[in-house]
Protein backbone atom coordinates (compact mmCIF):
# COMPACT_ATOMS: atom_id res chain seq x y z
CA MET A 1 -55.79 -11.45 8.00
CA SER A 2 -58.89 -9.18 7.80
CA LEU A 3 -61.47 -8.96 10.57
CA PRO A 4 -64.62 -11.13 10.38
CA ALA A 5 -67.18 -10.18 7.79
CA VAL A 6 -69.82 -9.37 10.46
CA PHE A 7 -68.09 -6.00 10.99
CA PRO A 8 -69.35 -3.16 8.86
CA THR A 9 -67.53 -2.82 5.57
CA PHE A 10 -65.91 0.54 6.35
CA ILE A 11 -64.50 -0.82 9.67
CA ARG A 12 -63.02 -3.85 7.94
CA LYS A 13 -61.38 -1.65 5.28
CA PHE A 14 -60.04 0.73 7.92
CA ALA A 15 -58.56 -2.13 9.97
CA ASP A 16 -57.04 -3.77 6.91
CA GLY A 17 -55.50 -0.44 5.95
CA LEU A 18 -53.90 -0.10 9.37
CA GLN A 19 -52.49 -3.62 9.11
CA THR A 20 -50.83 -2.65 5.84
CA PHE A 21 -49.80 0.89 6.80
CA LEU A 22 -48.37 0.49 10.32
CA PRO A 23 -45.54 -1.96 9.51
CA ARG A 24 -44.42 0.23 6.62
CA PHE A 25 -44.65 3.36 8.78
CA CYS A 26 -42.57 1.79 11.57
CA SER A 27 -40.10 0.44 9.06
CA ALA A 28 -39.63 3.93 7.62
CA LEU A 29 -39.19 5.54 11.05
CA ALA A 30 -36.77 2.96 12.41
CA PRO A 31 -33.72 4.19 10.44
CA LEU A 32 -34.40 7.74 11.62
CA PHE A 33 -34.43 6.70 15.27
CA LEU A 34 -31.33 4.54 14.71
CA ARG A 35 -29.53 7.42 13.00
CA SER A 36 -30.38 9.74 15.89
CA TYR A 37 -29.15 7.18 18.38
CA ARG A 38 -25.86 6.63 16.56
CA SER A 39 -25.15 10.35 16.20
CA GLY A 40 -26.05 11.16 19.80
CA ALA A 41 -25.67 9.53 23.17
CA GLY A 42 -25.78 6.04 21.69
CA ALA A 43 -22.44 6.67 19.99
CA GLU A 44 -20.81 7.18 23.38
CA VAL A 45 -22.51 4.56 25.54
CA GLU A 46 -19.49 3.29 27.40
CA ARG A 47 -15.74 3.47 27.57
CA SER A 48 -14.30 0.59 25.58
CA LYS A 49 -12.22 -1.97 27.46
CA TYR A 50 -10.18 -2.64 24.35
CA ALA A 51 -6.56 -1.52 24.36
CA PRO A 52 -5.02 -1.43 20.85
CA SER A 53 -1.41 -1.64 22.02
CA THR A 54 -2.02 -4.90 23.90
CA GLY A 55 -3.60 -6.80 21.04
CA LYS A 56 -6.37 -7.94 23.41
CA ASP A 57 -10.02 -8.22 22.46
CA ARG A 58 -13.01 -6.82 24.32
CA GLY A 59 -12.03 -8.53 27.55
CA GLY A 60 -8.47 -7.19 27.49
CA LYS A 61 -6.89 -4.65 29.80
CA GLU A 62 -7.32 -0.95 29.31
CA ALA A 63 -4.62 0.98 27.50
CA THR A 64 -1.68 2.03 29.64
CA LYS A 65 -1.58 5.78 30.09
CA SER A 66 1.71 7.41 29.24
CA LYS A 67 2.94 10.27 31.38
CA GLY A 68 2.02 13.70 30.06
CA ARG A 69 -0.43 12.51 27.40
CA ASN A 70 -2.80 9.69 26.67
CA ILE A 71 -3.43 9.19 22.98
CA TYR A 72 -6.35 6.87 23.74
CA ASN A 73 -8.49 9.02 26.01
CA ARG A 74 -10.19 11.02 23.24
CA PHE A 75 -11.47 8.04 21.27
CA MET A 76 -12.28 5.69 24.11
CA THR A 77 -15.73 7.28 24.52
CA HIS A 78 -16.69 5.44 21.32
CA ASP A 79 -18.42 2.10 21.77
CA ILE A 80 -15.92 -0.11 19.95
CA ALA A 81 -18.07 -3.21 20.44
CA THR A 82 -21.07 -1.63 18.72
CA LEU A 83 -18.93 -0.25 15.89
CA THR A 84 -17.49 -3.74 15.43
CA ASP A 85 -20.94 -5.33 15.27
CA GLU A 86 -21.99 -2.77 12.67
CA ALA A 87 -18.83 -3.44 10.63
CA VAL A 88 -19.25 -7.22 10.75
CA GLY A 89 -22.90 -7.02 9.73
CA LEU A 90 -22.05 -4.85 6.74
CA LEU A 91 -19.12 -7.09 5.78
CA LYS A 92 -21.45 -10.11 5.72
CA ALA A 93 -23.76 -8.24 3.35
CA LEU A 94 -20.83 -7.37 1.07
CA ILE A 95 -19.52 -10.95 1.04
CA ALA A 96 -22.99 -12.13 0.00
CA THR A 97 -22.88 -9.66 -2.91
CA PRO A 98 -20.38 -10.84 -5.57
CA SER A 99 -18.04 -7.99 -6.56
CA VAL A 100 -15.38 -9.37 -8.89
CA SER A 101 -13.36 -6.57 -10.50
CA ARG A 102 -15.43 -4.56 -13.00
CA GLU A 103 -18.60 -6.28 -11.71
CA GLU A 104 -18.98 -4.37 -8.43
CA ALA A 105 -22.25 -2.52 -9.14
CA GLN A 106 -24.40 -4.43 -6.64
CA ALA A 107 -21.79 -4.17 -3.89
CA ALA A 108 -21.48 -0.44 -4.56
CA ASP A 109 -25.29 -0.15 -4.32
CA CYS A 110 -25.27 -2.01 -1.00
CA LEU A 111 -22.57 0.20 0.48
CA GLN A 112 -24.13 3.40 -0.83
CA ARG A 113 -27.50 2.52 0.72
CA TYR A 114 -25.85 1.81 4.05
CA ILE A 115 -23.98 5.12 4.09
CA GLU A 116 -27.07 7.10 3.16
CA LEU A 117 -29.02 5.33 5.91
CA GLN A 118 -26.53 6.89 8.34
CA GLY A 119 -27.65 10.34 7.16
CA MET A 120 -24.62 10.98 4.94
CA GLU A 121 -24.73 12.24 1.37
CA THR A 122 -22.78 10.16 -1.14
CA GLY A 123 -21.04 10.63 -4.46
CA ARG A 124 -20.93 7.93 -7.09
CA LYS A 125 -19.00 7.41 -10.31
CA GLY A 126 -19.25 4.00 -11.89
CA ASN A 127 -18.84 1.57 -9.01
CA ASN A 128 -16.89 3.99 -6.80
CA VAL A 129 -18.73 5.40 -3.76
CA TRP A 130 -17.56 8.27 -1.56
CA CYS A 131 -18.75 10.75 1.04
CA LEU A 132 -17.38 13.88 2.72
CA SER A 133 -17.47 14.85 6.37
CA PRO A 134 -20.14 17.42 7.30
CA ALA A 135 -19.15 21.11 7.45
CA PHE A 136 -16.33 20.51 4.98
CA ASP A 137 -13.87 23.42 5.21
CA LEU A 138 -11.39 23.91 2.37
CA LYS A 139 -9.16 25.88 4.74
CA LYS A 140 -8.43 22.65 6.60
CA PRO A 141 -6.21 19.80 5.34
CA THR A 142 -8.09 16.75 4.07
CA LEU A 143 -7.60 13.11 5.02
CA LEU A 144 -8.70 10.37 2.60
CA LEU A 145 -9.76 6.98 3.98
CA ASN A 146 -9.73 4.49 1.12
CA SER A 147 -10.14 0.79 0.47
CA HIS A 148 -11.52 -1.28 -2.40
CA ILE A 149 -14.74 -3.25 -2.79
CA ASP A 150 -13.68 -5.47 -5.69
CA THR A 151 -12.30 -8.98 -5.35
CA VAL A 152 -10.46 -11.48 -7.49
CA LYS A 153 -12.38 -14.44 -8.87
CA PRO A 154 -12.63 -17.38 -6.44
CA VAL A 155 -9.69 -19.75 -6.83
CA ALA A 156 -10.07 -23.51 -7.02
CA GLY A 157 -10.05 -25.29 -3.69
CA TRP A 158 -12.81 -23.44 -1.83
CA ARG A 159 -14.52 -25.87 0.56
CA LYS A 160 -17.07 -23.23 1.58
CA ASP A 161 -19.32 -21.11 -0.59
CA PRO A 162 -17.15 -18.01 -1.27
CA PHE A 163 -20.28 -15.83 -1.44
CA SER A 164 -21.92 -17.14 1.72
CA PRO A 165 -20.57 -15.37 4.84
CA THR A 166 -19.84 -18.06 7.42
CA GLU A 167 -18.86 -17.24 11.00
CA SER A 168 -17.06 -19.99 12.92
CA ASN A 169 -14.68 -19.98 15.88
CA GLY A 170 -14.14 -16.23 15.73
CA ARG A 171 -13.51 -16.24 11.98
CA LEU A 172 -15.64 -14.81 9.21
CA TYR A 173 -15.16 -16.73 5.94
CA GLY A 174 -15.96 -15.38 2.48
CA LEU A 175 -14.40 -14.00 -0.68
CA GLY A 176 -13.01 -10.54 -0.01
CA SER A 177 -13.34 -10.83 3.77
CA ASN A 178 -9.62 -10.29 4.24
CA ASP A 179 -8.80 -8.44 1.02
CA ALA A 180 -10.13 -5.94 1.55
CA GLY A 181 -13.65 -6.08 2.95
CA ALA A 182 -12.53 -5.85 6.56
CA SER A 183 -10.72 -2.60 5.76
CA VAL A 184 -13.73 -1.24 3.84
CA VAL A 185 -16.11 -1.68 6.77
CA SER A 186 -13.65 -0.78 9.54
CA LEU A 187 -12.65 2.49 7.86
CA LEU A 188 -16.30 3.35 7.27
CA GLN A 189 -17.18 2.95 10.94
CA VAL A 190 -14.16 5.06 11.87
CA PHE A 191 -15.16 7.71 9.33
CA LEU A 192 -18.69 7.90 10.77
CA ALA A 193 -17.37 8.04 14.34
CA LEU A 194 -14.83 10.79 13.58
CA CYS A 195 -17.48 12.81 11.75
CA ARG A 196 -19.37 13.13 15.05
CA THR A 197 -16.48 15.00 16.69
CA ALA A 198 -14.50 18.11 15.79
CA GLN A 199 -11.30 17.25 13.93
CA PRO A 200 -8.42 19.47 12.73
CA TYR A 201 -8.95 18.09 9.21
CA ASN A 202 -11.68 17.23 6.73
CA LEU A 203 -12.50 13.61 6.00
CA VAL A 204 -13.24 11.83 2.74
CA TYR A 205 -14.26 8.17 2.68
CA LEU A 206 -13.84 6.39 -0.66
CA ALA A 207 -14.71 2.79 -1.45
CA SER A 208 -13.15 2.28 -4.86
CA CYS A 209 -13.44 -0.42 -7.52
CA GLU A 210 -11.12 -2.18 -9.99
CA GLU A 211 -8.17 -2.18 -7.57
CA GLU A 212 -7.34 -5.83 -8.19
CA VAL A 213 -6.87 -5.14 -11.92
CA SER A 214 -5.43 -1.60 -11.59
CA GLY A 215 -8.32 -0.50 -13.79
CA THR A 216 -8.76 3.02 -15.10
CA GLY A 217 -12.37 3.04 -13.88
CA GLY A 218 -11.28 2.82 -10.26
CA ILE A 219 -9.73 5.38 -7.94
CA GLU A 220 -7.88 7.06 -10.79
CA SER A 221 -11.20 8.20 -12.27
CA VAL A 222 -12.49 9.58 -8.95
CA LEU A 223 -9.55 11.57 -7.58
CA PRO A 224 -10.16 14.54 -9.94
CA LEU A 225 -13.69 14.82 -8.53
CA LEU A 226 -12.58 15.03 -4.89
CA PRO A 227 -11.32 18.06 -2.95
CA PRO A 228 -7.52 18.38 -2.71
CA ILE A 229 -6.15 15.55 -0.55
CA THR A 230 -3.39 16.18 2.01
CA PHE A 231 -2.83 12.59 3.13
CA ALA A 232 -4.40 9.16 2.58
CA LEU A 233 -4.77 6.06 4.69
CA VAL A 234 -5.26 3.01 2.47
CA GLY A 235 -6.90 -0.05 3.98
CA GLU A 236 -5.25 -3.31 2.95
CA PRO A 237 -4.41 -6.42 5.02
CA THR A 238 -1.16 -5.51 6.83
CA GLU A 239 -1.96 -6.90 10.32
CA MET A 240 -2.47 -3.23 11.28
CA GLN A 241 1.21 -2.42 10.79
CA PRO A 242 1.87 0.76 8.75
CA ALA A 243 3.36 0.18 5.31
CA ILE A 244 5.17 3.47 4.69
CA ALA A 245 6.62 2.33 1.37
CA GLU A 246 5.20 0.18 -1.39
CA LYS A 247 6.73 -1.31 -4.49
CA GLY A 248 5.48 -0.18 -7.87
CA LEU A 249 4.79 -2.31 -10.91
CA MET A 250 5.76 -2.17 -14.55
CA VAL A 251 5.04 -4.97 -17.04
CA LEU A 252 7.14 -5.28 -20.20
CA ASP A 253 6.24 -7.14 -23.38
CA VAL A 254 9.52 -8.08 -25.07
CA THR A 255 9.66 -9.29 -28.68
CA ALA A 256 12.34 -10.87 -30.85
CA THR A 257 11.80 -11.24 -34.61
CA GLY A 258 13.48 -13.86 -36.81
CA ARG A 259 12.71 -15.66 -40.09
CA SER A 260 10.71 -18.84 -40.47
CA GLY A 261 12.00 -21.95 -42.21
CA HIS A 262 11.78 -25.76 -42.26
CA ALA A 263 13.35 -27.33 -39.19
CA ALA A 264 14.82 -30.16 -41.30
CA ARG A 265 16.96 -27.79 -43.35
CA ASP A 266 19.59 -25.24 -42.40
CA GLU A 267 17.41 -22.23 -43.01
CA GLY A 268 15.50 -19.55 -41.16
CA ASP A 269 16.52 -17.36 -38.23
CA ASN A 270 15.27 -18.78 -34.92
CA ALA A 271 13.65 -16.04 -32.80
CA ILE A 272 13.88 -18.18 -29.65
CA TYR A 273 17.69 -18.08 -29.74
CA LYS A 274 17.55 -14.28 -29.91
CA VAL A 275 15.79 -13.95 -26.55
CA ILE A 276 18.07 -16.27 -24.57
CA ASP A 277 20.71 -13.65 -23.75
CA ASP A 278 18.10 -11.04 -22.83
CA ILE A 279 16.22 -13.43 -20.54
CA ALA A 280 19.52 -14.22 -18.83
CA TRP A 281 20.17 -10.49 -18.41
CA PHE A 282 16.82 -10.00 -16.67
CA ARG A 283 17.67 -12.89 -14.39
CA ASP A 284 21.13 -11.66 -13.43
CA TYR A 285 21.09 -7.84 -13.54
CA ARG A 286 20.91 -5.88 -10.29
CA PHE A 287 19.99 -2.20 -10.20
CA PRO A 288 22.47 -0.41 -7.93
CA ARG A 289 20.04 1.67 -5.81
CA VAL A 290 18.57 -0.41 -2.98
CA SER A 291 15.77 0.84 -0.72
CA PRO A 292 16.19 0.40 3.03
CA LEU A 293 12.49 -0.52 3.25
CA LEU A 294 11.73 -2.19 -0.08
CA GLY A 295 15.06 -3.69 -1.00
CA PRO A 296 16.23 -3.93 -4.63
CA VAL A 297 14.22 -3.67 -7.82
CA LYS A 298 12.92 -7.16 -8.66
CA MET A 299 12.60 -8.40 -12.26
CA SER A 300 10.99 -11.73 -13.17
CA VAL A 301 10.39 -13.26 -16.59
CA THR A 302 6.95 -14.81 -16.14
CA MET A 303 5.72 -15.82 -19.63
CA VAL A 304 7.36 -16.99 -22.87
CA SER A 305 5.59 -17.72 -26.18
CA ALA A 306 6.97 -18.88 -29.54
CA GLY A 307 6.43 -21.31 -32.40
CA THR A 308 3.46 -22.78 -34.23
CA GLN A 309 4.53 -26.44 -34.62
CA HIS A 310 7.55 -28.69 -34.12
CA ASN A 311 8.94 -28.57 -37.68
CA VAL A 312 8.78 -24.80 -38.26
CA ILE A 313 11.58 -22.44 -37.23
CA PRO A 314 9.79 -19.71 -35.19
CA ASP A 315 10.03 -16.24 -36.64
CA ARG A 316 8.71 -14.57 -33.49
CA CYS A 317 9.28 -15.03 -29.78
CA THR A 318 7.74 -12.92 -27.02
CA PHE A 319 8.19 -12.89 -23.27
CA VAL A 320 6.72 -10.92 -20.37
CA VAL A 321 8.70 -9.34 -17.55
CA ASP A 322 7.16 -8.39 -14.19
CA ILE A 323 9.15 -5.53 -12.62
CA ARG A 324 8.62 -4.41 -9.03
CA SER A 325 10.16 -0.99 -8.54
CA ASN A 326 11.35 0.71 -5.37
CA GLU A 327 11.13 4.40 -4.53
CA CYS A 328 14.70 4.97 -5.73
CA TYR A 329 13.61 4.80 -9.39
CA THR A 330 10.68 5.91 -11.48
CA ASN A 331 9.30 3.34 -13.89
CA GLN A 332 10.50 5.48 -16.78
CA GLU A 333 14.06 5.43 -15.42
CA LEU A 334 13.96 1.66 -15.13
CA TYR A 335 12.61 1.29 -18.66
CA ASP A 336 15.31 3.51 -20.14
CA GLU A 337 18.03 1.56 -18.34
CA ILE A 338 16.61 -1.77 -19.49
CA CYS A 339 16.46 -0.66 -23.13
CA ARG A 340 20.16 0.24 -23.01
CA HIS A 341 21.06 -3.35 -22.10
CA ILE A 342 18.80 -5.68 -24.08
CA HIS A 343 18.70 -6.37 -27.82
CA CYS A 344 15.02 -7.25 -28.24
CA GLU A 345 12.24 -4.69 -28.51
CA ALA A 346 10.58 -3.90 -25.16
CA LYS A 347 7.27 -2.10 -24.68
CA ALA A 348 5.92 -1.05 -21.30
CA ARG A 349 2.20 -1.60 -20.78
CA SER A 350 2.12 1.40 -18.45
CA PHE A 351 4.36 3.68 -16.39
CA ARG A 352 1.54 4.78 -14.07
CA LEU A 353 1.97 2.31 -11.18
CA GLY A 354 4.97 3.82 -9.43
CA SER A 355 6.45 3.07 -6.04
CA SER A 356 5.20 5.15 -3.10
CA HIS A 357 6.92 6.31 0.08
CA VAL A 358 6.15 8.51 3.08
CA PRO A 359 8.98 9.72 5.36
CA PRO A 360 9.22 8.02 8.77
CA GLU A 361 9.21 11.50 10.32
CA HIS A 362 5.64 12.20 9.17
CA PRO A 363 3.40 12.95 12.21
CA LEU A 364 1.01 10.08 11.43
CA VAL A 365 3.87 7.61 11.11
CA GLN A 366 5.29 8.83 14.41
CA ARG A 367 1.89 8.47 16.03
CA ALA A 368 1.62 4.91 14.72
CA ILE A 369 5.01 4.14 16.24
CA ALA A 370 3.79 5.59 19.57
CA LEU A 371 0.92 3.08 19.35
CA GLY A 372 3.40 0.24 19.14
CA ARG A 373 3.18 -0.17 15.39
CA VAL A 374 6.26 -1.08 13.31
CA PRO A 375 6.66 0.63 9.90
CA PHE A 376 7.66 -1.60 6.99
CA GLY A 377 7.90 -1.71 3.22
CA SER A 378 5.24 -3.64 1.30
CA PRO A 379 6.09 -5.72 -1.80
CA THR A 380 2.45 -5.84 -2.95
CA LEU A 381 0.67 -3.22 -5.04
CA SER A 382 -2.38 -1.19 -4.02
CA ASP A 383 -4.19 1.99 -5.07
CA GLN A 384 -1.38 3.91 -3.35
CA ALA A 385 0.44 3.64 -6.66
CA LEU A 386 -2.14 5.98 -8.21
CA MET A 387 -2.11 8.62 -5.46
CA PRO A 388 -0.14 11.82 -6.16
CA PHE A 389 -0.08 12.69 -2.44
CA PRO A 390 1.48 11.12 0.69
CA SER A 391 -0.14 7.94 1.98
CA LEU A 392 0.38 4.91 4.15
CA LYS A 393 -1.17 1.47 3.93
CA MET A 394 -2.59 -0.12 7.06
CA GLY A 395 -5.48 -2.50 7.63
CA PRO A 396 -6.82 -5.61 9.34
CA GLY A 397 -6.02 -9.08 8.10
CA LYS A 398 -2.97 -10.83 6.74
CA SER A 399 -1.63 -10.44 3.22
CA SER A 400 -0.89 -14.16 2.88
CA ARG A 401 -4.63 -14.94 3.19
CA SER A 402 -5.48 -12.81 0.15
CA HIS A 403 -6.52 -14.58 -3.07
CA THR A 404 -6.62 -17.97 -1.30
CA ALA A 405 -9.31 -20.62 -0.88
CA ASP A 406 -11.45 -20.27 2.25
CA GLU A 407 -10.30 -16.67 2.78
CA PHE A 408 -11.23 -15.36 6.23
CA ILE A 409 -10.85 -12.51 8.71
CA PHE A 410 -10.84 -12.81 12.49
CA ILE A 411 -13.65 -10.77 14.11
CA ARG A 412 -11.15 -9.58 16.70
CA GLU A 413 -8.99 -8.18 13.87
CA ILE A 414 -11.86 -5.89 12.85
CA GLU A 415 -12.32 -4.80 16.46
CA GLU A 416 -8.59 -4.17 16.79
CA ALA A 417 -8.56 -2.20 13.54
CA ILE A 418 -11.38 0.12 14.58
CA GLY A 419 -9.70 0.84 17.91
CA LEU A 420 -6.30 1.45 16.38
CA TYR A 421 -7.65 3.60 13.54
CA LEU A 422 -9.45 5.81 16.05
CA ALA A 423 -6.38 6.07 18.26
CA LEU A 424 -4.25 6.94 15.25
CA LEU A 425 -6.56 9.48 13.63
CA ASP A 426 -8.62 11.21 16.32
CA GLY A 427 -7.17 14.72 16.65
CA ALA A 428 -4.09 13.82 14.58
CA ASP A 429 -1.83 16.16 12.64
CA ILE A 430 -1.89 15.00 9.00
CA ASN A 431 0.44 17.65 7.61
CA GLY A 432 3.89 16.34 6.78
């Protein structure tokens, strides 16, 4: 509101100008002060009371120190509580920004703005956003921290608004909260924290798109633009256990061709009958090589289509096979073996989503084990399948909550993730 009209005109205009200018000026300066605080003493306010190996939250006991070395003492200067608050606030913003696969532009904008507000330069291709650690040195190995910002479409059965972040009883509800928003924000806070300290490796943070549909516009399109990667940590809901192997995926479209005819007469060549033996083979065949972590190759016939109406002999029958590979076979090897056994024509939609595996002896895997983590093999697919370098999958949340109604993440799971990521990565050897 302007000052009373009894004041001289130039005073009123000057006062009104200040009323307009000062809020904007303060608003512009605030991020600079906040950035300075986060990169300086404010980043190391207190020693966190959180101990990753105990599974406790902020009130839990401090980590037990092992004789001869303490893998926690380097990262415990970080304020885990503040990093958690930052992560949760950003996750709420992402939940409120719909980001169904191939429609992630607004979520990518939101994340890019946040990263740049922290004083970091970003790269962008499509809806993929990334940034590099300062003083990047190509003589050092490079660690990639990756998770995805896209979600599936909301399933039926949601009792809450999937795009309205709702916090209740220690849970944060919203589409993508568990898969994989919690990993996106936790890894980002860890990236920013590690960038403030000297590390024996470079860091790249990448929030990729189109993961849920294995799209070609996702991580696959970005990797050629990044520096050479030595190792990757992929954030997906694994309850913060390290998945050191992951099944691949190959989808087959199988077709049998017959000859149409009238169902009332003895004529035609029924294409449905031609697929029966092949469908039975997919059901019963077992590939001989079995992975100790992933088990056998799994084949499932998931769709069958034939016929136009009840009185016409179908001249074409198609079915779809979902094949989950282990690290003992490439998808090409599986395809060749399948073609030797079936009579129908089979076409693979792609060979690109292969199984991944990192040896248990890798230094990062061994460090995870020292933190009380238990390596396992994951049956679900992630962007690991598109990475031509070693990787492991590890993130907050539970896989069984993904793609479900009323999806949620526990706030304490984000706090646990940030603490464990820092304990795992700070000063780590990433060379295998």
